[in-house]
């Protein structure tokens, strides 16, 4: 994963976690059910981990251009 992909993964993680936290709070408050709120938060966390943890190709769009390997010069044979 490149540096741009890491930033993208963090932004996706935060968006999913915050969205599910807000939804779970509203649903839990409306239903007056703390267990339901925790379950919705758990689903959001599982979804976020499923999206962010694997190294998906869209996290690897800005590859580094590595320099070619250096070939060491041969030393002259000692006489």
N, C-alpha and C. Protein backbone atom coordinates (compact mmCIF):
# COMPACT_ATOMS: atom_id res chain seq x y z
N UNK A 1 0.85 -1.17 0.00
CA UNK A 1 0.00 0.00 0.00
C UNK A 1 0.90 1.23 0.00
N UNK A 2 0.60 2.17 -0.88
CA UNK A 2 1.41 3.37 -0.95
C UNK A 2 0.90 4.42 0.05
N UNK A 3 1.60 5.56 0.10
CA UNK A 3 1.24 6.59 1.08
C UNK A 3 -0.11 7.22 0.80
N UNK A 4 -0.43 7.43 -0.46
CA UNK A 4 -1.74 7.97 -0.81
C UNK A 4 -2.82 6.95 -0.45
N UNK A 5 -2.55 5.69 -0.67
CA UNK A 5 -3.49 4.63 -0.31
C UNK A 5 -3.70 4.54 1.20
N UNK A 6 -2.65 4.78 1.97
CA UNK A 6 -2.79 4.77 3.42
C UNK A 6 -3.70 5.90 3.87
N UNK A 7 -3.54 7.07 3.28
CA UNK A 7 -4.42 8.20 3.62
C UNK A 7 -5.86 7.88 3.22
N UNK A 8 -6.03 7.28 2.03
CA UNK A 8 -7.36 6.91 1.56
C UNK A 8 -7.99 5.87 2.49
N UNK A 9 -7.20 4.90 2.93
CA UNK A 9 -7.71 3.86 3.84
C UNK A 9 -8.14 4.47 5.18
N UNK A 10 -7.34 5.41 5.68
CA UNK A 10 -7.71 6.04 6.95
C UNK A 10 -8.98 6.86 6.80
N UNK A 11 -9.12 7.58 5.69
CA UNK A 11 -10.33 8.37 5.47
C UNK A 11 -11.56 7.48 5.34
N UNK A 12 -11.43 6.37 4.64
CA UNK A 12 -12.55 5.43 4.50
C UNK A 12 -12.91 4.83 5.85
N UNK A 13 -11.90 4.45 6.63
CA UNK A 13 -12.14 3.89 7.96
C UNK A 13 -12.89 4.88 8.84
N UNK A 14 -12.42 6.13 8.88
CA UNK A 14 -13.07 7.13 9.72
C UNK A 14 -14.50 7.41 9.25
N UNK A 15 -14.72 7.47 7.95
CA UNK A 15 -16.06 7.73 7.44
C UNK A 15 -17.03 6.62 7.82
N UNK A 16 -16.60 5.38 7.66
CA UNK A 16 -17.49 4.26 7.99
C UNK A 16 -17.77 4.20 9.49
N UNK A 17 -16.73 4.34 10.30
CA UNK A 17 -16.91 4.23 11.75
C UNK A 17 -17.79 5.37 12.27
N UNK A 18 -17.54 6.59 11.80
CA UNK A 18 -18.34 7.73 12.28
C UNK A 18 -19.78 7.62 11.80
N UNK A 19 -19.99 7.19 10.56
CA UNK A 19 -21.36 7.05 10.05
C UNK A 19 -22.13 6.00 10.85
N UNK A 20 -21.50 4.85 11.08
CA UNK A 20 -22.19 3.82 11.85
C UNK A 20 -22.39 4.23 13.30
N UNK A 21 -21.47 4.98 13.87
CA UNK A 21 -21.63 5.46 15.25
C UNK A 21 -22.82 6.40 15.36
N UNK A 22 -22.94 7.30 14.38
CA UNK A 22 -24.07 8.24 14.40
C UNK A 22 -25.40 7.51 14.22
N UNK A 23 -25.44 6.58 13.26
CA UNK A 23 -26.67 5.83 13.03
C UNK A 23 -27.01 4.98 14.25
N UNK A 24 -26.00 4.32 14.82
CA UNK A 24 -26.28 3.46 15.98
C UNK A 24 -26.76 4.28 17.17
N UNK A 25 -26.21 5.47 17.35
CA UNK A 25 -26.66 6.31 18.46
C UNK A 25 -28.12 6.72 18.28
N UNK A 26 -28.45 7.16 17.07
CA UNK A 26 -29.83 7.60 16.82
C UNK A 26 -30.80 6.43 16.97
N UNK A 27 -30.46 5.27 16.39
CA UNK A 27 -31.35 4.11 16.49
C UNK A 27 -31.43 3.61 17.93
N UNK A 28 -30.29 3.55 18.60
CA UNK A 28 -30.30 3.09 19.99
C UNK A 28 -31.08 4.02 20.90
N UNK A 29 -30.96 5.33 20.67
CA UNK A 29 -31.70 6.30 21.48
C UNK A 29 -33.20 6.21 21.20
N UNK A 30 -33.54 6.07 19.91
CA UNK A 30 -34.97 6.00 19.55
C UNK A 30 -35.61 4.73 20.09
N UNK A 31 -34.88 3.62 20.04
CA UNK A 31 -35.42 2.34 20.51
C UNK A 31 -35.19 2.12 22.00
N UNK A 32 -34.36 2.98 22.59
CA UNK A 32 -33.95 2.84 24.00
C UNK A 32 -33.37 1.44 24.25
N UNK A 33 -32.45 1.07 23.35
CA UNK A 33 -31.86 -0.27 23.39
C UNK A 33 -30.35 -0.15 23.21
N UNK A 34 -29.62 -0.28 24.31
CA UNK A 34 -28.16 -0.15 24.27
C UNK A 34 -27.53 -1.32 23.52
N UNK A 35 -28.07 -2.51 23.66
CA UNK A 35 -27.52 -3.68 22.99
C UNK A 35 -27.61 -3.53 21.47
N UNK A 36 -28.70 -2.98 20.98
CA UNK A 36 -28.85 -2.74 19.55
C UNK A 36 -27.80 -1.74 19.07
N UNK A 37 -27.55 -0.72 19.87
CA UNK A 37 -26.54 0.27 19.52
C UNK A 37 -25.16 -0.38 19.40
N UNK A 38 -24.83 -1.25 20.32
CA UNK A 38 -23.53 -1.93 20.29
C UNK A 38 -23.44 -2.86 19.08
N UNK A 39 -24.53 -3.54 18.76
CA UNK A 39 -24.53 -4.43 17.59
C UNK A 39 -24.32 -3.65 16.29
N UNK A 40 -24.99 -2.52 16.16
CA UNK A 40 -24.81 -1.71 14.95
C UNK A 40 -23.38 -1.19 14.86
N UNK A 41 -22.82 -0.77 15.99
CA UNK A 41 -21.42 -0.34 16.01
C UNK A 41 -20.49 -1.48 15.63
N UNK A 42 -20.79 -2.68 16.09
CA UNK A 42 -19.98 -3.85 15.75
C UNK A 42 -20.03 -4.18 14.27
N UNK A 43 -21.21 -4.07 13.67
CA UNK A 43 -21.33 -4.30 12.23
C UNK A 43 -20.54 -3.25 11.47
N UNK A 44 -20.60 -2.01 11.91
CA UNK A 44 -19.83 -0.95 11.25
C UNK A 44 -18.34 -1.18 11.36
N UNK A 45 -17.88 -1.61 12.52
CA UNK A 45 -16.46 -1.89 12.70
C UNK A 45 -16.02 -3.07 11.82
N UNK A 46 -16.83 -4.11 11.77
CA UNK A 46 -16.50 -5.27 10.93
C UNK A 46 -16.45 -4.87 9.45
N UNK A 47 -17.40 -4.06 9.01
CA UNK A 47 -17.41 -3.59 7.63
C UNK A 47 -16.18 -2.74 7.34
N UNK A 48 -15.83 -1.85 8.27
CA UNK A 48 -14.66 -1.00 8.08
C UNK A 48 -13.39 -1.83 8.00
N UNK A 49 -13.27 -2.83 8.84
CA UNK A 49 -12.07 -3.68 8.81
C UNK A 49 -12.02 -4.50 7.53
N UNK A 50 -13.17 -4.95 7.04
CA UNK A 50 -13.21 -5.71 5.79
C UNK A 50 -12.79 -4.84 4.61
N UNK A 51 -13.13 -3.58 4.65
CA UNK A 51 -12.79 -2.67 3.56
C UNK A 51 -11.34 -2.21 3.65
N UNK A 52 -10.82 -1.99 4.85
CA UNK A 52 -9.53 -1.33 5.01
C UNK A 52 -8.36 -2.29 5.18
N UNK A 53 -8.54 -3.39 5.87
CA UNK A 53 -7.40 -4.25 6.18
C UNK A 53 -6.75 -4.93 4.97
N UNK A 54 -7.50 -5.53 4.05
CA UNK A 54 -6.80 -6.13 2.90
C UNK A 54 -6.18 -5.05 2.03
N UNK A 55 -5.13 -5.41 1.34
CA UNK A 55 -4.45 -4.46 0.46
C UNK A 55 -5.13 -4.49 -0.91
N UNK A 56 -6.29 -3.83 -1.00
CA UNK A 56 -7.05 -3.81 -2.23
C UNK A 56 -6.30 -3.00 -3.29
N UNK A 57 -6.52 -3.29 -4.57
CA UNK A 57 -5.80 -2.57 -5.64
C UNK A 57 -6.04 -1.07 -5.65
N UNK A 58 -7.22 -0.60 -5.21
CA UNK A 58 -7.46 0.85 -5.24
C UNK A 58 -6.69 1.60 -4.16
N UNK A 59 -6.03 0.88 -3.26
CA UNK A 59 -5.13 1.52 -2.30
C UNK A 59 -3.71 1.59 -2.84
N UNK A 60 -3.47 1.05 -4.01
CA UNK A 60 -2.12 0.93 -4.56
C UNK A 60 -2.01 1.59 -5.92
N UNK A 61 -2.62 2.75 -6.10
CA UNK A 61 -2.65 3.40 -7.40
C UNK A 61 -1.44 4.29 -7.66
N UNK A 62 -0.71 4.68 -6.65
CA UNK A 62 0.43 5.59 -6.80
C UNK A 62 1.71 4.88 -6.38
N UNK A 63 2.15 3.97 -7.20
CA UNK A 63 3.35 3.19 -6.87
C UNK A 63 4.60 4.05 -6.91
N UNK A 64 5.54 3.74 -6.05
CA UNK A 64 6.84 4.41 -6.05
C UNK A 64 7.66 3.89 -7.22
N UNK A 65 8.42 4.77 -7.81
CA UNK A 65 9.35 4.37 -8.86
C UNK A 65 10.70 4.13 -8.21
N UNK A 66 11.06 2.87 -8.06
CA UNK A 66 12.31 2.52 -7.41
C UNK A 66 13.47 2.68 -8.39
N UNK A 67 14.62 3.02 -7.87
CA UNK A 67 15.81 3.11 -8.69
C UNK A 67 16.26 1.70 -9.07
N UNK A 68 16.91 1.55 -10.21
CA UNK A 68 17.39 0.22 -10.56
C UNK A 68 18.49 -0.23 -9.60
N UNK A 69 18.64 -1.52 -9.48
CA UNK A 69 19.64 -2.08 -8.57
C UNK A 69 21.04 -1.73 -9.06
N UNK A 70 21.90 -1.42 -8.13
CA UNK A 70 23.29 -1.13 -8.48
C UNK A 70 24.05 -2.43 -8.66
N UNK A 71 24.81 -2.49 -9.72
CA UNK A 71 25.64 -3.67 -9.96
C UNK A 71 27.06 -3.32 -9.48
N UNK A 72 27.55 -4.05 -8.48
CA UNK A 72 28.88 -3.71 -7.99
C UNK A 72 29.95 -3.96 -9.05
N UNK A 73 30.91 -3.08 -9.08
CA UNK A 73 32.01 -3.25 -10.06
C UNK A 73 32.88 -4.41 -9.62
N UNK A 74 33.37 -5.13 -10.61
CA UNK A 74 34.27 -6.23 -10.30
C UNK A 74 35.63 -5.69 -9.96
N UNK A 75 36.23 -6.21 -8.91
CA UNK A 75 37.57 -5.78 -8.51
C UNK A 75 38.59 -6.54 -9.35
N UNK A 76 39.66 -5.89 -9.74
CA UNK A 76 40.69 -6.62 -10.50
C UNK A 76 41.32 -7.70 -9.63
N UNK A 77 41.64 -8.80 -10.24
CA UNK A 77 42.26 -9.92 -9.52
C UNK A 77 43.64 -9.52 -9.02
N UNK A 78 43.96 -9.90 -7.79
CA UNK A 78 45.26 -9.60 -7.21
C UNK A 78 46.31 -10.55 -7.78
N UNK A 79 47.50 -10.01 -8.00
CA UNK A 79 48.58 -10.85 -8.54
C UNK A 79 49.51 -11.30 -7.46
